[in-house]
Protein backbone atom coordinates (compact mmCIF):
# COMPACT_ATOMS: atom_id res chain seq x y z
CA MET A 1 116.25 103.39 88.85
CA SER A 2 116.42 103.82 85.06
CA ILE A 3 118.70 105.85 82.79
CA SER A 4 115.46 107.23 81.28
CA THR A 5 114.30 109.67 83.95
CA ARG A 6 112.13 111.66 81.50
CA ARG A 7 113.31 114.85 83.23
CA GLY A 8 114.89 116.02 79.96
CA ASP A 9 111.85 115.45 77.79
CA GLY A 10 111.05 119.18 77.86
CA GLY A 11 114.49 120.26 76.68
CA GLU A 12 116.18 120.88 80.03
CA THR A 13 119.00 119.09 81.83
CA SER A 14 120.77 119.30 85.17
CA LEU A 15 124.26 120.68 85.58
CA ALA A 16 126.54 119.26 88.26
CA GLY A 17 125.01 120.32 91.56
CA GLY A 18 121.42 120.17 90.29
CA LEU A 19 120.89 123.52 88.53
CA ARG A 20 118.39 123.02 85.67
CA VAL A 21 119.21 124.69 82.31
CA SER A 22 118.25 124.40 78.67
CA LYS A 23 119.97 121.60 76.77
CA ALA A 24 121.08 124.37 74.38
CA HIS A 25 122.84 126.30 77.19
CA LEU A 26 126.43 127.22 76.30
CA ARG A 27 127.74 125.22 79.27
CA VAL A 28 125.91 122.11 78.03
CA GLU A 29 127.22 122.70 74.50
CA ALA A 30 130.77 122.96 75.86
CA TYR A 31 130.82 119.80 77.96
CA GLY A 32 128.70 117.97 75.39
CA THR A 33 131.28 118.65 72.70
CA VAL A 34 134.04 117.45 75.04
CA ASP A 35 131.99 114.25 75.47
CA GLU A 36 131.73 113.94 71.68
CA LEU A 37 135.51 114.36 71.45
CA ASN A 38 135.99 111.62 74.03
CA SER A 39 133.85 109.26 71.96
CA ALA A 40 135.77 110.10 68.78
CA LEU A 41 139.01 109.39 70.63
CA GLY A 42 137.56 106.06 71.71
CA LEU A 43 137.02 105.17 68.06
CA ALA A 44 140.54 106.31 67.17
CA ARG A 45 141.96 104.21 70.01
CA ALA A 46 139.95 101.16 68.91
CA LEU A 47 141.34 101.52 65.36
CA CYS A 48 144.92 102.16 66.49
CA SER A 49 147.36 99.25 66.67
CA HIS A 50 150.19 101.38 68.13
CA ASP A 51 150.30 100.33 71.81
CA ASP A 52 152.01 103.47 73.13
CA LEU A 53 149.55 105.80 71.38
CA ARG A 54 146.62 103.68 72.55
CA GLN A 55 147.78 104.18 76.15
CA ARG A 56 148.32 107.90 75.62
CA ILE A 57 144.86 108.29 74.08
CA ARG A 58 143.29 106.38 76.98
CA ALA A 59 144.98 108.75 79.47
CA ILE A 60 143.64 111.74 77.53
CA GLN A 61 140.14 110.26 77.57
CA GLU A 62 140.30 110.00 81.36
CA GLN A 63 141.43 113.64 81.57
CA LEU A 64 138.56 114.69 79.30
CA PHE A 65 136.09 113.28 81.82
CA ARG A 66 137.60 115.62 84.43
CA ILE A 67 137.42 118.56 82.01
CA GLY A 68 133.81 117.72 81.17
CA SER A 69 133.01 117.64 84.87
CA ALA A 70 134.71 121.01 85.41
CA LEU A 71 132.69 122.50 82.54
CA ALA A 72 129.45 120.97 83.84
CA THR A 73 129.95 122.54 87.27
CA PRO A 74 128.75 126.17 87.38
CA PRO A 75 130.23 128.51 90.01
CA ALA A 76 126.98 128.46 92.02
CA SER A 77 126.98 124.66 92.24
CA ARG A 78 126.87 122.80 95.54
CA LYS A 79 129.42 120.44 94.00
CA PRO A 80 133.06 121.53 94.33
CA GLN A 81 134.82 122.56 91.13
CA VAL A 82 137.22 120.03 89.60
CA ASP A 83 140.62 121.68 89.35
CA ILE A 84 142.38 121.24 86.02
CA GLY A 85 146.01 121.82 86.91
CA PRO A 86 148.75 123.14 84.63
CA GLU A 87 150.58 119.82 84.81
CA LEU A 88 148.02 118.36 82.39
CA VAL A 89 148.85 121.07 79.83
CA ASP A 90 152.57 120.62 80.50
CA GLU A 91 152.34 116.90 79.72
CA LEU A 92 150.63 117.55 76.40
CA THR A 93 153.25 120.17 75.56
CA ARG A 94 156.00 117.67 76.38
CA GLN A 95 154.45 115.14 74.02
CA VAL A 96 154.10 117.75 71.25
CA HIS A 97 157.81 118.56 71.48
CA GLU A 98 158.72 114.87 71.64
CA ILE A 99 156.83 113.97 68.47
CA GLU A 100 157.92 117.09 66.58
CA GLN A 101 161.53 115.95 67.01
CA GLN A 102 160.91 112.55 65.43
CA GLU A 103 162.35 111.99 61.98
CA GLY A 104 159.80 111.82 59.18
CA ILE A 105 156.93 113.67 60.88
CA LEU A 106 155.02 115.64 58.24
CA SER A 107 155.30 119.40 58.68
CA ASP A 108 153.03 120.31 55.77
CA TRP A 109 149.25 120.43 55.36
CA SER A 110 147.80 116.94 55.54
CA ILE A 111 144.86 115.38 53.75
CA PRO A 112 142.92 113.14 56.16
CA GLY A 113 142.13 109.61 55.05
CA GLU A 114 145.42 108.06 54.01
CA HIS A 115 145.56 105.88 57.15
CA THR A 116 142.50 104.63 59.06
CA ALA A 117 143.54 105.36 62.65
CA ALA A 118 145.18 108.66 61.62
CA ALA A 119 141.92 109.68 59.91
CA ALA A 120 140.02 108.92 63.14
CA LEU A 121 142.51 111.12 65.02
CA ASP A 122 141.97 113.89 62.46
CA LEU A 123 138.23 113.67 63.08
CA ALA A 124 138.87 113.86 66.84
CA ARG A 125 141.13 116.87 66.26
CA THR A 126 138.38 118.79 64.48
CA ILE A 127 135.91 117.97 67.26
CA CYS A 128 138.54 119.16 69.74
CA ARG A 129 138.75 122.50 67.91
CA ARG A 130 134.93 122.77 67.99
CA ALA A 131 134.95 122.04 71.73
CA GLU A 132 137.56 124.76 72.15
CA ARG A 133 135.34 127.24 70.26
CA GLN A 134 132.35 126.27 72.43
CA ILE A 135 134.40 126.86 75.59
CA VAL A 136 135.51 130.27 74.29
CA ARG A 137 131.85 131.16 73.62
CA LEU A 138 131.00 130.12 77.17
CA ARG A 139 133.75 132.33 78.58
CA GLU A 140 132.83 135.26 76.30
CA ALA A 141 129.25 135.01 77.60
CA GLY A 142 130.63 135.86 81.05
CA GLU A 143 130.75 132.33 82.46
CA PRO A 144 133.94 131.49 84.38
CA VAL A 145 136.18 128.91 82.70
CA GLN A 146 139.52 127.74 84.06
CA GLU A 147 142.30 129.09 81.85
CA THR A 148 144.00 125.70 81.92
CA ILE A 149 140.99 124.14 80.19
CA LEU A 150 141.39 126.37 77.16
CA ALA A 151 145.16 125.81 77.10
CA TYR A 152 144.59 122.05 77.38
CA MET A 153 142.15 121.96 74.46
CA ASN A 154 144.44 124.09 72.30
CA ARG A 155 147.43 121.87 73.01
CA LEU A 156 145.38 118.69 72.60
CA SER A 157 144.35 119.55 69.05
CA ASP A 158 148.03 120.03 68.14
CA LEU A 159 148.91 116.71 69.74
CA LEU A 160 146.12 114.82 67.99
CA TRP A 161 147.36 116.14 64.65
CA LEU A 162 150.86 114.91 65.52
CA TYR A 163 149.56 111.50 66.64
CA GLY A 164 148.00 111.08 63.20
CA ARG A 165 151.17 112.10 61.41
CA LYS A 166 153.22 109.76 63.64
CA LEU A 167 151.02 106.82 62.64
CA GLU A 168 151.31 107.74 58.97
CA SER A 169 155.06 108.18 59.17
CA GLU A 170 155.59 104.83 60.83
CA ALA A 171 153.32 103.17 58.25
CA GLY A 172 155.18 104.83 55.35
CA VAL A 173 152.12 106.85 54.33
CA ASP A 174 152.36 110.33 52.78
CA SER A 175 149.33 112.53 53.49
CA SER A 176 151.00 115.76 52.39
CA LEU A 177 148.79 118.15 50.46
CA ARG A 178 151.77 119.20 48.34
CA HIS A 179 153.50 115.87 47.70
CA ARG A 180 152.44 115.94 44.04
CA THR A 181 153.62 119.51 43.42
CA GLN A 182 156.93 119.11 45.28
CA ARG A 183 156.44 122.68 46.56
CA PRO A 184 157.02 122.76 50.30
CA GLY A 185 154.89 124.99 52.46
CA PRO A 186 155.81 126.68 55.71
CA ARG A 187 156.75 124.34 58.57
CA TRP A 188 153.74 123.16 60.58
CA SER A 189 151.12 124.63 58.25
CA ARG A 190 148.40 122.36 59.61
CA ALA A 191 145.01 122.00 58.01
CA TRP A 192 142.92 123.90 60.52
């Protein structure tokens, strides 16, 4: 058996359970963007020398495979739906609150690129937001989407932003948009 089945040469693919749809179907766009996010997180993890964050990112990547599977499984599928429980969202929320409390975490707009691994996390964050928008489009088109998936993606983008700022803070890097003007902005005015 080969990875090249040629079944997609005409622009269609199979969802979980075998249903054939266009590769441009909103469901494919949604789980495909989650896959892209997972790859971007892999790059961020490879560039990151912070052991704790590397482990946290790896755990998120594993969860994203479950989310991708849930998105790839339409309601009419023979395959059972993967349940994305609220405990996954709760854990991300816990981490958000934990990092927000750390001394020196930037609470202003940030300019990506001051720290390599933080910049990779910023890229992953923007892909996460795009995945979230794709999932919203899927739901608005009348396709069922677990509410916890949207909450997870929303919380994850916040957490990825904080991971980047944590790396910068610990490296003594200032990525603040306003550091030259000395004019503080509102707390947590993130660049998205």
